[in-house]
């Protein structure tokens, strides 16, 4: 009698857009404490740490885009290591920003640092 084989599948989040996946670069970062960020979060860089972007007309100007988180990072209690994508083509609908923030405000700033939001 043959053994049964268990198979698994992967559900893709469609974060990437285009066919440039082999050209995408990553960069290690420290995620500032007090945040629980998910893969695909658009982040800014200040004081040696990354944080979720905020409204472009608020404390964080749109020009401060730094990258997109590669994985979920729970920094609720303390600064935590993470990794961001620093260039490439990304699906704008799959990139996350906090509620009340419009991703359209960051398209040009992201483009200026090599991140294309399509």
Foldseek 3Di string as FASTA:
>chain_A
DDDDDDDDDDDDLQFADDDCVVVWDKDKAKAAEQDWDAFQAWWFDDPRHIYGDDACPPDHNLLRTAFTWHGTDHRHPHTDMGMGTQAHETALVSHDGDPPHDCVSNQVSSVVRHYHHD
